[in-house]
């Protein structure tokens, strides 16, 4: 899946899944949520900052979050972590 597709997917689910994202990443705040506004790279940066993760760790955590919720649906591909 291309990075543009991943960004569109994050943006598409962002408002729908606010509660799920904030529960899954409990160290994120409402302010973090507002600043991210559906942008994948910004969300990865916030996860890095709050959890002390490397870029790869934060991106993998986000990919796991998405995959756990969306790969059960027919026709939905898993999200792969793009390398910077």
Protein backbone atom coordinates (compact mmCIF):
# COMPACT_ATOMS: atom_id res chain seq x y z
CA UNK A 1 0.00 0.00 0.00
CA UNK A 2 1.46 3.36 -0.99
CA UNK A 3 2.11 6.00 1.65
CA UNK A 4 -0.53 8.26 0.07
CA UNK A 5 -3.09 5.45 0.49
CA UNK A 6 -2.07 4.99 4.12
CA UNK A 7 -2.45 8.72 4.77
CA UNK A 8 -5.91 8.69 3.18
CA UNK A 9 -6.87 5.70 5.32
CA UNK A 10 -5.73 7.41 8.51
CA UNK A 11 -7.55 10.59 7.54
CA UNK A 12 -10.71 8.66 6.70
CA UNK A 13 -10.87 6.88 10.06
CA UNK A 14 -9.51 9.70 12.18
CA UNK A 15 -12.71 11.25 13.50
CA UNK A 16 -14.63 7.98 13.47
CA UNK A 17 -12.04 6.27 15.65
CA UNK A 18 -10.97 9.09 17.99
CA UNK A 19 -11.98 7.18 21.12
CA UNK A 20 -10.31 3.99 19.92
CA UNK A 21 -7.08 5.81 19.06
CA UNK A 22 -6.97 7.60 22.40
CA UNK A 23 -7.68 4.33 24.27
CA UNK A 24 -5.10 2.37 22.28
CA UNK A 25 -2.50 5.08 22.80
CA UNK A 26 -3.48 6.18 26.29
CA UNK A 27 -0.63 8.65 26.64
CA UNK A 28 -2.02 10.78 23.82
CA UNK A 29 -4.04 13.78 24.89
CA UNK A 30 -6.98 15.59 23.34
CA UNK A 31 -4.48 18.28 22.34
CA UNK A 32 -2.39 15.65 20.53
CA UNK A 33 -5.54 14.48 18.78
CA UNK A 34 -6.36 18.02 17.64
CA UNK A 35 -2.84 18.65 16.37
CA UNK A 36 -2.65 15.39 14.41
CA UNK A 37 -5.93 16.00 12.56
CA UNK A 38 -5.68 12.76 10.58
CA UNK A 39 -2.07 13.17 9.42
CA UNK A 40 -0.22 9.88 9.75
CA UNK A 41 3.32 11.27 10.10
CA UNK A 42 2.22 13.71 12.80
CA UNK A 43 0.48 10.88 14.67
CA UNK A 44 3.62 8.76 14.49
CA UNK A 45 5.60 11.73 15.83
CA UNK A 46 3.19 12.16 18.74
CA UNK A 47 3.38 8.44 19.55
CA UNK A 48 7.20 8.69 19.45
CA UNK A 49 7.16 11.67 21.78
CA UNK A 50 4.69 10.27 24.31
CA UNK A 51 6.07 6.73 24.45
CA UNK A 52 9.77 7.31 23.76
CA UNK A 53 9.60 5.05 20.70
CA UNK A 54 11.82 5.16 17.64
CA UNK A 55 10.14 6.09 14.36
CA UNK A 56 9.92 2.40 13.40
CA UNK A 57 8.41 1.39 16.75
CA UNK A 58 5.78 4.12 16.57
CA UNK A 59 4.93 3.34 12.93
CA UNK A 60 4.63 -0.37 13.73
CA UNK A 61 2.37 0.36 16.71
CA UNK A 62 0.11 2.44 14.49
CA UNK A 63 0.11 -0.22 11.76
CA UNK A 64 -0.85 -2.87 14.33
CA UNK A 65 -3.69 -0.65 15.55
CA UNK A 66 -5.06 -0.28 12.02
CA UNK A 67 -4.54 -3.92 11.06
CA UNK A 68 -6.30 -5.22 14.18
CA UNK A 69 -9.38 -3.22 13.28
CA UNK A 70 -9.55 -3.36 9.50
CA UNK A 71 -8.04 -6.56 8.11
CA UNK A 72 -11.07 -8.60 9.10
CA UNK A 73 -13.11 -6.82 6.44
CA UNK A 74 -13.13 -8.40 2.97
CA UNK A 75 -11.12 -6.46 0.44
CA UNK A 76 -9.13 -4.48 2.99
CA UNK A 77 -5.37 -4.86 2.73
CA UNK A 78 -3.10 -4.79 5.73
CA UNK A 79 -1.17 -1.58 6.25
CA UNK A 80 2.57 -1.91 5.90
CA UNK A 81 4.91 0.47 7.62
CA UNK A 82 6.66 2.60 4.99
CA UNK A 83 10.30 3.39 5.58
CA UNK A 84 11.31 7.06 5.71
